[in-house]
């Protein structure tokens, strides 16, 4: 491990540190499959710690067909029921059913827009947002996450409230909430906006 400064939250384990350094807001994510994986992981976290989700991530990849949305969207009730017996994953019938529902909404957007990425990144015109006021303590949600959450609901997604959506925006690089002295902070060129303003 190098000695560069990092966000304090990631220092609890090597797994958390690697996630912070290599994934969490480290770059803009534009791959549809990866976007669906991040979206699903954030949904699965509801009521759990992020460390728990990361510990089960590989088992979920195996059980969930590598988070391929088109495959998950075609799951039958029998396949969905079988997931409740899959080892090492988060065994919540509501979340598993929600994942399949979200996969179906995801592929509908892909069919209509050409890609989920195109639809999603249009909310900030392809730019990463930085909230100057978050330097000390990032918010749980913002006007931007409220707006995107509402759009998710209109598209038929579930478990995508503004707090979950904000975590998703952080993870995929749409929002840069790294601490200013974190070595990842300056990787992304950011558009600074006030907390009360959605990106228009």
N, C-alpha and C. Protein backbone atom coordinates (compact mmCIF):
# COMPACT_ATOMS: atom_id res chain seq x y z
N UNK A 1 0.84 -1.19 0.00
CA UNK A 1 0.00 0.00 0.00
C UNK A 1 0.87 1.24 0.00
N UNK A 2 0.58 2.20 -0.90
CA UNK A 2 1.39 3.41 -0.91
C UNK A 2 0.91 4.35 0.18
N UNK A 3 1.65 5.45 0.38
CA UNK A 3 1.38 6.36 1.48
C UNK A 3 0.60 7.60 1.06
N UNK A 4 -0.01 7.58 -0.11
CA UNK A 4 -0.78 8.73 -0.54
C UNK A 4 -2.01 8.92 0.34
N UNK A 5 -2.45 10.17 0.46
CA UNK A 5 -3.63 10.49 1.26
C UNK A 5 -4.88 9.90 0.60
N UNK A 6 -5.80 9.42 1.44
CA UNK A 6 -7.05 8.84 0.97
C UNK A 6 -8.21 9.33 1.83
N UNK A 7 -9.42 9.12 1.33
CA UNK A 7 -10.60 9.42 2.12
C UNK A 7 -10.60 8.50 3.35
N UNK A 8 -10.86 9.04 4.54
CA UNK A 8 -10.77 8.24 5.76
C UNK A 8 -11.66 7.00 5.77
N UNK A 9 -12.83 7.04 5.08
CA UNK A 9 -13.76 5.93 5.16
C UNK A 9 -13.22 4.63 4.59
N UNK A 10 -12.20 4.72 3.75
CA UNK A 10 -11.74 3.51 3.05
C UNK A 10 -10.61 2.79 3.77
N UNK A 11 -10.18 3.29 4.92
CA UNK A 11 -8.98 2.76 5.56
C UNK A 11 -9.23 1.57 6.48
N UNK A 12 -10.48 1.11 6.54
CA UNK A 12 -10.80 0.03 7.49
C UNK A 12 -10.36 -1.35 7.03
N UNK A 13 -10.17 -1.53 5.73
CA UNK A 13 -9.74 -2.84 5.23
C UNK A 13 -9.08 -2.67 3.87
N UNK A 14 -8.31 -3.68 3.48
CA UNK A 14 -7.65 -3.66 2.17
C UNK A 14 -8.68 -3.70 1.06
N UNK A 15 -9.78 -4.44 1.26
CA UNK A 15 -10.84 -4.53 0.25
C UNK A 15 -11.49 -3.16 0.03
N UNK A 16 -11.77 -2.43 1.12
CA UNK A 16 -12.36 -1.10 1.00
C UNK A 16 -11.37 -0.15 0.34
N UNK A 17 -10.10 -0.26 0.68
CA UNK A 17 -9.08 0.61 0.10
C UNK A 17 -8.97 0.39 -1.40
N UNK A 18 -8.99 -0.86 -1.84
CA UNK A 18 -8.90 -1.15 -3.27
C UNK A 18 -10.13 -0.62 -4.00
N UNK A 19 -11.30 -0.79 -3.39
CA UNK A 19 -12.52 -0.28 -4.00
C UNK A 19 -12.43 1.24 -4.17
N UNK A 20 -11.95 1.92 -3.15
CA UNK A 20 -11.79 3.38 -3.21
C UNK A 20 -10.80 3.79 -4.29
N UNK A 21 -9.65 3.15 -4.32
CA UNK A 21 -8.58 3.55 -5.24
C UNK A 21 -8.92 3.24 -6.70
N UNK A 22 -9.56 2.12 -6.94
CA UNK A 22 -9.73 1.63 -8.30
C UNK A 22 -11.12 1.86 -8.89
N UNK A 23 -12.13 2.08 -8.03
CA UNK A 23 -13.50 2.16 -8.55
C UNK A 23 -14.27 3.39 -8.10
N UNK A 24 -14.41 3.60 -6.81
CA UNK A 24 -15.34 4.61 -6.28
C UNK A 24 -14.98 6.02 -6.74
N UNK A 25 -15.70 6.51 -7.73
CA UNK A 25 -15.45 7.85 -8.22
C UNK A 25 -14.07 8.06 -8.78
N UNK A 26 -13.38 6.97 -9.12
CA UNK A 26 -12.01 7.09 -9.63
C UNK A 26 -11.98 7.53 -11.09
N UNK A 27 -13.10 7.32 -11.78
CA UNK A 27 -13.21 7.70 -13.19
C UNK A 27 -14.70 7.68 -13.55
N UNK A 28 -15.03 8.29 -14.65
CA UNK A 28 -16.41 8.18 -15.13
C UNK A 28 -16.65 6.77 -15.67
N UNK A 29 -17.74 6.17 -15.25
CA UNK A 29 -18.11 4.85 -15.75
C UNK A 29 -19.11 5.02 -16.89
N UNK A 30 -18.77 4.47 -18.05
CA UNK A 30 -19.65 4.57 -19.22
C UNK A 30 -20.01 3.21 -19.82
N UNK A 31 -19.68 2.15 -19.12
CA UNK A 31 -19.99 0.80 -19.59
C UNK A 31 -21.33 0.37 -19.02
N UNK A 32 -22.28 0.01 -19.87
CA UNK A 32 -23.62 -0.31 -19.40
C UNK A 32 -23.65 -1.45 -18.38
N UNK A 33 -22.91 -2.52 -18.64
CA UNK A 33 -22.92 -3.64 -17.69
C UNK A 33 -22.39 -3.19 -16.33
N UNK A 34 -21.29 -2.45 -16.34
CA UNK A 34 -20.71 -1.97 -15.08
C UNK A 34 -21.66 -1.01 -14.37
N UNK A 35 -22.34 -0.16 -15.13
CA UNK A 35 -23.31 0.74 -14.52
C UNK A 35 -24.42 -0.04 -13.84
N UNK A 36 -24.88 -1.12 -14.48
CA UNK A 36 -25.93 -1.92 -13.85
C UNK A 36 -25.40 -2.62 -12.60
N UNK A 37 -24.16 -3.07 -12.63
CA UNK A 37 -23.59 -3.69 -11.44
C UNK A 37 -23.55 -2.70 -10.28
N UNK A 38 -23.03 -1.49 -10.53
CA UNK A 38 -22.98 -0.47 -9.47
C UNK A 38 -24.38 -0.17 -8.96
N UNK A 39 -25.33 -0.03 -9.87
CA UNK A 39 -26.70 0.28 -9.49
C UNK A 39 -27.26 -0.81 -8.59
N UNK A 40 -27.01 -2.06 -8.94
CA UNK A 40 -27.52 -3.18 -8.16
C UNK A 40 -26.85 -3.27 -6.80
N UNK A 41 -25.54 -3.06 -6.76
CA UNK A 41 -24.84 -3.11 -5.48
C UNK A 41 -25.35 -2.03 -4.53
N UNK A 42 -25.58 -0.83 -5.05
CA UNK A 42 -26.10 0.24 -4.20
C UNK A 42 -27.50 -0.10 -3.71
N UNK A 43 -28.32 -0.71 -4.55
CA UNK A 43 -29.65 -1.14 -4.14
C UNK A 43 -29.56 -2.21 -3.06
N UNK A 44 -28.64 -3.15 -3.24
CA UNK A 44 -28.48 -4.24 -2.28
C UNK A 44 -27.99 -3.75 -0.92
N UNK A 45 -27.33 -2.60 -0.89
CA UNK A 45 -26.77 -2.11 0.36
C UNK A 45 -27.83 -1.64 1.34
N UNK A 46 -29.01 -1.29 0.89
CA UNK A 46 -30.05 -0.73 1.76
C UNK A 46 -30.15 -1.53 3.07
N UNK A 47 -29.86 -0.85 4.18
CA UNK A 47 -29.93 -1.49 5.49
C UNK A 47 -28.69 -2.27 5.88
N UNK A 48 -27.69 -2.31 5.02
CA UNK A 48 -26.46 -3.05 5.29
C UNK A 48 -25.25 -2.14 5.20
N UNK A 49 -24.11 -2.61 5.65
CA UNK A 49 -22.87 -1.85 5.50
C UNK A 49 -22.28 -2.11 4.12
N UNK A 50 -21.49 -1.15 3.63
CA UNK A 50 -20.85 -1.34 2.34
C UNK A 50 -19.83 -2.48 2.40
N UNK A 51 -19.21 -2.67 3.55
CA UNK A 51 -18.25 -3.77 3.71
C UNK A 51 -18.95 -5.12 3.48
N UNK A 52 -20.18 -5.24 3.94
CA UNK A 52 -20.93 -6.48 3.74
C UNK A 52 -21.20 -6.72 2.27
N UNK A 53 -21.58 -5.65 1.56
CA UNK A 53 -21.85 -5.78 0.13
C UNK A 53 -20.59 -6.18 -0.63
N UNK A 54 -19.47 -5.52 -0.34
CA UNK A 54 -18.22 -5.87 -1.02
C UNK A 54 -17.82 -7.31 -0.76
N UNK A 55 -18.02 -7.78 0.48
CA UNK A 55 -17.65 -9.15 0.82
C UNK A 55 -18.47 -10.18 0.03
N UNK A 56 -19.67 -9.80 -0.38
CA UNK A 56 -20.56 -10.71 -1.11
C UNK A 56 -20.56 -10.45 -2.62
N UNK A 57 -19.76 -9.50 -3.06
CA UNK A 57 -19.82 -9.08 -4.46
C UNK A 57 -19.49 -10.20 -5.43
N UNK A 58 -18.43 -10.95 -5.19
CA UNK A 58 -18.05 -12.02 -6.12
C UNK A 58 -19.10 -13.11 -6.16
N UNK A 59 -19.69 -13.43 -5.02
CA UNK A 59 -20.75 -14.44 -5.00
C UNK A 59 -21.96 -13.94 -5.78
N UNK A 60 -22.25 -12.65 -5.67
CA UNK A 60 -23.37 -12.08 -6.42
C UNK A 60 -23.07 -12.07 -7.91
N UNK A 61 -21.84 -11.77 -8.29
CA UNK A 61 -21.49 -11.82 -9.71
C UNK A 61 -21.75 -13.21 -10.27
N UNK A 62 -21.38 -14.22 -9.51
CA UNK A 62 -21.57 -15.60 -9.97
C UNK A 62 -23.06 -15.95 -10.03
N UNK A 63 -23.80 -15.55 -9.02
CA UNK A 63 -25.21 -15.89 -8.95
C UNK A 63 -26.07 -15.08 -9.92
N UNK A 64 -25.63 -13.86 -10.21
CA UNK A 64 -26.43 -12.93 -11.02
C UNK A 64 -25.92 -12.80 -12.46
N UNK A 65 -25.32 -13.86 -12.99
CA UNK A 65 -24.87 -13.85 -14.38
C UNK A 65 -24.03 -12.62 -14.71
N UNK A 66 -23.08 -12.33 -13.80
CA UNK A 66 -22.15 -11.21 -13.99
C UNK A 66 -22.88 -9.87 -14.17
N UNK A 67 -24.05 -9.77 -13.55
CA UNK A 67 -24.84 -8.53 -13.60
C UNK A 67 -25.17 -8.10 -15.03
N UNK A 68 -25.36 -9.06 -15.92
CA UNK A 68 -25.76 -8.73 -17.29
C UNK A 68 -27.25 -8.40 -17.29
N UNK A 69 -27.60 -7.15 -17.53
CA UNK A 69 -29.01 -6.76 -17.40
C UNK A 69 -29.96 -7.51 -18.33
N UNK A 70 -29.54 -7.78 -19.55
CA UNK A 70 -30.43 -8.48 -20.48
C UNK A 70 -30.72 -9.90 -20.01
N UNK A 71 -29.74 -10.54 -19.40
CA UNK A 71 -29.93 -11.90 -18.89
C UNK A 71 -30.86 -11.87 -17.68
N UNK A 72 -30.59 -10.95 -16.75
CA UNK A 72 -31.41 -10.85 -15.55
C UNK A 72 -32.85 -10.44 -15.87
N UNK A 73 -33.00 -9.60 -16.89
CA UNK A 73 -34.35 -9.15 -17.27
C UNK A 73 -35.22 -10.31 -17.73
N UNK A 74 -34.60 -11.37 -18.20
CA UNK A 74 -35.35 -12.53 -18.71
C UNK A 74 -35.55 -13.61 -17.66
N UNK A 75 -35.14 -13.36 -16.41
CA UNK A 75 -35.28 -14.37 -15.36
C UNK A 75 -36.74 -14.75 -15.16
N UNK A 76 -36.96 -16.05 -14.99
CA UNK A 76 -38.29 -16.57 -14.68
C UNK A 76 -38.51 -16.52 -13.16
N UNK A 77 -39.74 -16.75 -12.75
CA UNK A 77 -40.05 -16.81 -11.32
C UNK A 77 -39.26 -17.94 -10.66
N UNK A 78 -39.07 -19.04 -11.37
CA UNK A 78 -38.32 -20.17 -10.81
C UNK A 78 -36.86 -19.79 -10.59
N UNK A 79 -36.27 -19.10 -11.56
CA UNK A 79 -34.88 -18.66 -11.40
C UNK A 79 -34.74 -17.67 -10.25
N UNK A 80 -35.71 -16.79 -10.13
CA UNK A 80 -35.69 -15.81 -9.06
C UNK A 80 -35.80 -16.51 -7.71
N UNK A 81 -36.68 -17.49 -7.60
CA UNK A 81 -36.84 -18.24 -6.36
C UNK A 81 -35.57 -19.00 -6.01
N UNK A 82 -34.88 -19.52 -7.05
CA UNK A 82 -33.66 -20.28 -6.81
C UNK A 82 -32.55 -19.41 -6.22
N UNK A 83 -32.58 -18.12 -6.51
CA UNK A 83 -31.55 -17.23 -5.97
C UNK A 83 -31.59 -17.18 -4.45
N UNK A 84 -32.74 -17.43 -3.86
CA UNK A 84 -32.85 -17.42 -2.40
C UNK A 84 -32.02 -18.52 -1.76
N UNK A 85 -31.62 -19.50 -2.56
CA UNK A 85 -30.79 -20.61 -2.06
C UNK A 85 -29.32 -20.45 -2.47
N UNK A 86 -29.01 -19.44 -3.26
CA UNK A 86 -27.63 -19.27 -3.74
C UNK A 86 -26.71 -18.91 -2.59
N UNK A 87 -25.56 -19.57 -2.50
CA UNK A 87 -24.66 -19.30 -1.37
C UNK A 87 -23.95 -17.95 -1.47
N UNK A 88 -23.77 -17.31 -0.34
CA UNK A 88 -22.90 -16.14 -0.24
C UNK A 88 -23.47 -14.82 -0.68
N UNK A 89 -24.76 -14.80 -1.10
CA UNK A 89 -25.34 -13.55 -1.59
C UNK A 89 -26.24 -12.92 -0.52
N UNK A 90 -26.82 -11.78 -0.83
CA UNK A 90 -27.78 -11.14 0.06
C UNK A 90 -29.15 -11.76 -0.21
N UNK A 91 -29.68 -12.43 0.78
CA UNK A 91 -30.92 -13.19 0.60
C UNK A 91 -32.13 -12.36 1.02
N UNK A 92 -32.50 -11.45 0.18
CA UNK A 92 -33.70 -10.64 0.40
C UNK A 92 -34.60 -10.83 -0.81
N UNK A 93 -35.76 -11.42 -0.61
CA UNK A 93 -36.66 -11.67 -1.73
C UNK A 93 -37.06 -10.35 -2.40
N UNK A 94 -37.29 -9.31 -1.61
CA UNK A 94 -37.69 -8.01 -2.17
C UNK A 94 -36.56 -7.41 -3.01
N UNK A 95 -35.34 -7.49 -2.54
CA UNK A 95 -34.22 -6.93 -3.29
C UNK A 95 -33.94 -7.75 -4.55
N UNK A 96 -34.03 -9.05 -4.46
CA UNK A 96 -33.80 -9.89 -5.64
C UNK A 96 -34.86 -9.64 -6.70
N UNK A 97 -36.10 -9.55 -6.27
CA UNK A 97 -37.17 -9.22 -7.21
C UNK A 97 -36.97 -7.83 -7.79
N UNK A 98 -36.52 -6.88 -6.94
CA UNK A 98 -36.24 -5.52 -7.40
C UNK A 98 -35.13 -5.47 -8.41
N UNK A 99 -34.12 -6.32 -8.24
CA UNK A 99 -33.02 -6.37 -9.20
C UNK A 99 -33.52 -6.77 -10.59
N UNK A 100 -34.39 -7.77 -10.64
CA UNK A 100 -34.93 -8.22 -11.93
C UNK A 100 -35.82 -7.14 -12.53
N UNK A 101 -36.64 -6.51 -11.70
CA UNK A 101 -37.47 -5.41 -12.18
C UNK A 101 -36.60 -4.28 -12.74
N UNK A 102 -35.52 -3.96 -12.03
CA UNK A 102 -34.63 -2.90 -12.49
C UNK A 102 -33.92 -3.29 -13.79
N UNK A 103 -33.58 -4.57 -13.92
CA UNK A 103 -32.95 -5.03 -15.16
C UNK A 103 -33.89 -4.83 -16.35
N UNK A 104 -35.16 -5.06 -16.13
CA UNK A 104 -36.13 -4.89 -17.21
C UNK A 104 -36.28 -3.42 -17.58
N UNK A 105 -36.30 -2.54 -16.58
CA UNK A 105 -36.35 -1.10 -16.86
C UNK A 105 -35.07 -0.65 -17.57
N UNK A 106 -33.95 -1.20 -17.16
CA UNK A 106 -32.64 -0.86 -17.73
C UNK A 106 -32.61 -1.20 -19.22
N UNK A 107 -33.06 -2.41 -19.58
CA UNK A 107 -33.00 -2.82 -20.98
C UNK A 107 -34.02 -2.06 -21.83
N UNK A 108 -35.12 -1.63 -21.21
CA UNK A 108 -36.06 -0.78 -21.96
C UNK A 108 -35.41 0.54 -22.33
N UNK A 109 -34.64 1.11 -21.41
CA UNK A 109 -33.93 2.35 -21.71
C UNK A 109 -32.89 2.11 -22.79
N UNK A 110 -32.15 1.00 -22.69
CA UNK A 110 -31.16 0.68 -23.72
C UNK A 110 -31.81 0.60 -25.10
N UNK A 111 -32.95 -0.05 -25.17
CA UNK A 111 -33.63 -0.21 -26.46
C UNK A 111 -34.10 1.13 -27.00
N UNK A 112 -34.56 1.98 -26.13
CA UNK A 112 -35.10 3.28 -26.56
C UNK A 112 -34.02 4.30 -26.87
N UNK A 113 -32.96 4.34 -26.04
CA UNK A 113 -31.94 5.39 -26.14
C UNK A 113 -30.66 4.95 -26.84
N UNK A 114 -30.53 3.67 -27.08
CA UNK A 114 -29.29 3.16 -27.67
C UNK A 114 -28.33 2.63 -26.63
N UNK A 115 -28.36 3.21 -25.43
CA UNK A 115 -27.58 2.73 -24.29
C UNK A 115 -28.13 3.38 -23.03
N UNK A 116 -27.97 2.71 -21.91
CA UNK A 116 -28.32 3.32 -20.63
C UNK A 116 -27.38 4.49 -20.35
N UNK A 117 -26.11 4.30 -20.69
CA UNK A 117 -25.10 5.33 -20.49
C UNK A 117 -25.52 6.65 -21.11
N UNK A 118 -26.02 6.64 -22.30
CA UNK A 118 -26.42 7.87 -22.99
C UNK A 118 -27.53 8.58 -22.23
N UNK A 119 -28.51 7.81 -21.79
CA UNK A 119 -29.63 8.38 -21.02
C UNK A 119 -29.15 8.94 -19.69
N UNK A 120 -28.37 8.16 -18.97
CA UNK A 120 -27.95 8.51 -17.61
C UNK A 120 -27.04 9.73 -17.58
N UNK A 121 -26.00 9.75 -18.41
CA UNK A 121 -25.03 10.85 -18.36
C UNK A 121 -25.58 12.14 -18.95
N UNK A 122 -26.73 12.07 -19.61
CA UNK A 122 -27.35 13.31 -20.10
C UNK A 122 -27.79 14.21 -18.96
N UNK A 123 -27.98 13.66 -17.76
CA UNK A 123 -28.41 14.48 -16.63
C UNK A 123 -27.37 15.54 -16.26
N UNK A 124 -26.10 15.28 -16.53
CA UNK A 124 -25.07 16.29 -16.27
C UNK A 124 -24.31 16.65 -17.55
N UNK A 125 -24.91 16.35 -18.69
CA UNK A 125 -24.28 16.63 -19.98
C UNK A 125 -22.87 16.02 -20.05
N UNK A 126 -22.74 14.85 -19.45
CA UNK A 126 -21.47 14.12 -19.51
C UNK A 126 -20.41 14.62 -18.55
N UNK A 127 -20.77 15.53 -17.66
CA UNK A 127 -19.78 16.13 -16.77
C UNK A 127 -19.86 15.56 -15.36
N UNK A 128 -18.72 15.56 -14.67
CA UNK A 128 -18.66 15.19 -13.27
C UNK A 128 -18.91 16.43 -12.42
N UNK A 129 -19.74 16.28 -11.41
CA UNK A 129 -20.14 17.39 -10.53
C UNK A 129 -19.31 17.37 -9.26
N UNK A 130 -18.95 18.54 -8.81
CA UNK A 130 -18.29 18.70 -7.51
C UNK A 130 -19.06 19.73 -6.70
N UNK A 131 -19.45 19.36 -5.48
CA UNK A 131 -20.12 20.28 -4.57
C UNK A 131 -19.08 20.85 -3.60
N UNK A 132 -18.68 22.10 -3.74
CA UNK A 132 -17.66 22.66 -2.85
C UNK A 132 -18.01 22.52 -1.38
N UNK A 133 -19.30 22.61 -1.04
CA UNK A 133 -19.72 22.54 0.36
C UNK A 133 -19.52 21.15 0.96
N UNK A 134 -19.24 20.15 0.14
CA UNK A 134 -19.11 18.78 0.64
C UNK A 134 -17.69 18.44 1.07
N UNK A 135 -16.78 19.38 1.04
CA UNK A 135 -15.38 19.08 1.36
C UNK A 135 -15.25 18.45 2.74
N UNK A 136 -16.00 18.95 3.71
CA UNK A 136 -15.90 18.42 5.06
C UNK A 136 -16.80 17.21 5.27
N UNK A 137 -18.03 17.29 4.75
CA UNK A 137 -18.99 16.20 4.96
C UNK A 137 -19.97 16.13 3.80
N UNK A 138 -19.80 15.18 2.89
CA UNK A 138 -20.74 15.02 1.79
C UNK A 138 -22.16 14.81 2.28
N UNK A 139 -23.11 15.29 1.50
CA UNK A 139 -24.53 15.13 1.84
C UNK A 139 -25.00 13.71 1.53
N UNK A 140 -26.16 13.35 2.09
CA UNK A 140 -26.75 12.04 1.79
C UNK A 140 -27.51 12.07 0.48
N UNK A 141 -28.00 13.25 0.09
CA UNK A 141 -28.73 13.40 -1.17
C UNK A 141 -28.64 14.86 -1.58
N UNK A 142 -28.93 15.14 -2.84
CA UNK A 142 -28.89 16.50 -3.37
C UNK A 142 -30.06 16.68 -4.33
N UNK A 143 -30.22 17.91 -4.81
CA UNK A 143 -31.27 18.17 -5.80
C UNK A 143 -31.05 17.31 -7.04
N UNK A 144 -29.78 17.10 -7.42
CA UNK A 144 -29.48 16.26 -8.58
C UNK A 144 -29.93 14.83 -8.36
N UNK A 145 -29.63 14.27 -7.18
CA UNK A 145 -30.04 12.88 -6.92
C UNK A 145 -31.56 12.78 -6.80
N UNK A 146 -32.22 13.83 -6.30
CA UNK A 146 -33.68 13.84 -6.26
C UNK A 146 -34.25 13.79 -7.67
N UNK A 147 -33.66 14.57 -8.56
CA UNK A 147 -34.14 14.61 -9.95
C UNK A 147 -33.93 13.28 -10.65
N UNK A 148 -32.76 12.69 -10.48
CA UNK A 148 -32.48 11.41 -11.14
C UNK A 148 -33.30 10.29 -10.52
N UNK A 149 -33.50 10.33 -9.20
CA UNK A 149 -34.35 9.35 -8.54
C UNK A 149 -35.77 9.39 -9.10
N UNK A 150 -36.30 10.59 -9.29
CA UNK A 150 -37.64 10.72 -9.87
C UNK A 150 -37.69 10.13 -11.28
N UNK A 151 -36.63 10.36 -12.05
CA UNK A 151 -36.56 9.80 -13.40
C UNK A 151 -36.50 8.28 -13.36
N UNK A 152 -35.73 7.73 -12.42
CA UNK A 152 -35.69 6.27 -12.26
C UNK A 152 -37.08 5.72 -11.96
N UNK A 153 -37.79 6.37 -11.05
CA UNK A 153 -39.13 5.89 -10.70
C UNK A 153 -40.04 5.93 -11.91
N UNK A 154 -39.96 6.98 -12.70
CA UNK A 154 -40.79 7.09 -13.90
C UNK A 154 -40.49 5.98 -14.90
N UNK A 155 -39.23 5.51 -14.90
CA UNK A 155 -38.84 4.44 -15.82
C UNK A 155 -39.18 3.05 -15.28
N UNK A 156 -39.66 2.98 -14.04
CA UNK A 156 -40.07 1.69 -13.48
C UNK A 156 -39.07 1.04 -12.54
N UNK A 157 -38.00 1.75 -12.16
CA UNK A 157 -37.02 1.20 -11.22
C UNK A 157 -37.60 1.23 -9.80
N UNK A 158 -37.06 0.37 -8.94
CA UNK A 158 -37.42 0.38 -7.52
C UNK A 158 -36.14 0.42 -6.69
N UNK A 159 -36.28 0.71 -5.42
CA UNK A 159 -35.15 0.83 -4.48
C UNK A 159 -34.16 1.91 -4.91
N UNK A 160 -34.61 2.88 -5.71
CA UNK A 160 -33.69 3.91 -6.20
C UNK A 160 -34.15 5.29 -5.70
N UNK A 161 -34.28 5.41 -4.38
CA UNK A 161 -34.58 6.69 -3.77
C UNK A 161 -33.40 7.63 -3.89
N UNK A 162 -33.55 8.90 -3.52
CA UNK A 162 -32.49 9.89 -3.72
C UNK A 162 -31.20 9.60 -2.96
N UNK A 163 -31.27 8.92 -1.81
CA UNK A 163 -30.05 8.59 -1.06
C UNK A 163 -29.28 7.48 -1.78
N UNK A 164 -29.99 6.43 -2.19
CA UNK A 164 -29.34 5.35 -2.94
C UNK A 164 -28.79 5.90 -4.26
N UNK A 165 -29.55 6.74 -4.94
CA UNK A 165 -29.10 7.31 -6.19
C UNK A 165 -27.85 8.16 -5.97
N UNK A 166 -27.81 8.93 -4.89
CA UNK A 166 -26.62 9.76 -4.66
C UNK A 166 -25.37 8.89 -4.47
N UNK A 167 -25.52 7.78 -3.74
CA UNK A 167 -24.40 6.86 -3.59
C UNK A 167 -23.96 6.30 -4.94
N UNK A 168 -24.94 6.02 -5.80
CA UNK A 168 -24.65 5.54 -7.15
C UNK A 168 -23.89 6.61 -7.94
N UNK A 169 -24.31 7.87 -7.85
CA UNK A 169 -23.63 8.95 -8.57
C UNK A 169 -22.19 9.09 -8.11
N UNK A 170 -21.95 8.93 -6.82
CA UNK A 170 -20.58 8.98 -6.30
C UNK A 170 -19.75 7.82 -6.86
N UNK A 171 -20.33 6.63 -6.84
CA UNK A 171 -19.58 5.44 -7.23
C UNK A 171 -19.15 5.47 -8.69
N UNK A 172 -20.02 5.97 -9.57
CA UNK A 172 -19.74 5.91 -11.02
C UNK A 172 -19.08 7.17 -11.56
N UNK A 173 -18.71 8.09 -10.66
CA UNK A 173 -17.95 9.26 -11.09
C UNK A 173 -18.78 10.41 -11.60
N UNK A 174 -20.09 10.41 -11.41
CA UNK A 174 -20.90 11.56 -11.79
C UNK A 174 -20.76 12.67 -10.75
N UNK A 175 -20.49 12.27 -9.50
CA UNK A 175 -20.21 13.23 -8.43
C UNK A 175 -18.85 12.88 -7.84
N UNK A 176 -18.02 13.89 -7.64
CA UNK A 176 -16.72 13.70 -7.02
C UNK A 176 -16.80 14.17 -5.58
N UNK A 177 -16.92 13.21 -4.66
CA UNK A 177 -16.96 13.53 -3.23
C UNK A 177 -15.73 13.03 -2.49
N UNK A 178 -14.63 12.84 -3.22
CA UNK A 178 -13.38 12.53 -2.53
C UNK A 178 -12.94 13.73 -1.72
N UNK A 179 -12.30 13.46 -0.60
CA UNK A 179 -11.75 14.54 0.22
C UNK A 179 -10.73 15.32 -0.62
N UNK A 180 -10.65 16.64 -0.44
CA UNK A 180 -9.73 17.45 -1.25
C UNK A 180 -8.27 17.02 -1.17
N UNK A 181 -7.87 16.39 -0.06
CA UNK A 181 -6.47 15.95 0.05
C UNK A 181 -6.29 14.49 -0.36
N UNK A 182 -7.36 13.84 -0.83
CA UNK A 182 -7.27 12.46 -1.32
C UNK A 182 -6.60 12.47 -2.69
N UNK A 183 -5.74 11.50 -2.93
CA UNK A 183 -4.99 11.50 -4.20
C UNK A 183 -5.90 11.28 -5.41
N UNK A 184 -7.12 10.73 -5.19
CA UNK A 184 -8.04 10.51 -6.30
C UNK A 184 -8.77 11.79 -6.68
N UNK A 185 -8.82 12.75 -5.78
CA UNK A 185 -9.64 13.96 -5.94
C UNK A 185 -9.43 14.65 -7.28
N UNK A 186 -8.19 14.79 -7.69
CA UNK A 186 -7.89 15.56 -8.91
C UNK A 186 -7.87 14.74 -10.19
N UNK A 187 -8.29 13.49 -10.13
CA UNK A 187 -8.31 12.68 -11.34
C UNK A 187 -9.35 13.16 -12.35
N UNK A 188 -10.45 13.70 -11.83
CA UNK A 188 -11.56 14.06 -12.70
C UNK A 188 -11.71 15.57 -12.80
N UNK A 189 -11.92 16.05 -14.00
CA UNK A 189 -12.28 17.44 -14.21
C UNK A 189 -13.73 17.61 -13.79
N UNK A 190 -14.01 18.60 -12.93
CA UNK A 190 -15.34 18.73 -12.35
C UNK A 190 -15.98 20.07 -12.63
N UNK A 191 -17.30 20.05 -12.71
CA UNK A 191 -18.10 21.25 -12.76
C UNK A 191 -18.64 21.50 -11.36
N UNK A 192 -18.33 22.65 -10.77
CA UNK A 192 -18.77 22.93 -9.41
C UNK A 192 -20.16 23.55 -9.41
N UNK A 193 -21.03 23.02 -8.54
CA UNK A 193 -22.39 23.55 -8.42
C UNK A 193 -22.74 23.68 -6.96
N UNK A 194 -23.73 24.50 -6.65
CA UNK A 194 -24.20 24.66 -5.28
C UNK A 194 -25.12 23.49 -4.93
N UNK A 195 -25.16 23.16 -3.64
CA UNK A 195 -25.93 22.00 -3.19
C UNK A 195 -27.41 22.09 -3.56
N UNK A 196 -27.97 23.29 -3.58
CA UNK A 196 -29.41 23.41 -3.82
C UNK A 196 -29.77 23.35 -5.29
N UNK A 197 -28.78 23.30 -6.17
CA UNK A 197 -29.06 23.37 -7.60
C UNK A 197 -28.90 22.03 -8.28
N UNK A 198 -29.89 21.62 -9.03
CA UNK A 198 -29.72 20.48 -9.94
C UNK A 198 -28.90 20.96 -11.13
N UNK A 199 -28.21 20.05 -11.76
CA UNK A 199 -27.43 20.38 -12.94
C UNK A 199 -28.40 20.52 -14.11
N UNK A 200 -28.44 21.69 -14.69
CA UNK A 200 -29.38 21.94 -15.79
C UNK A 200 -28.63 22.21 -17.09
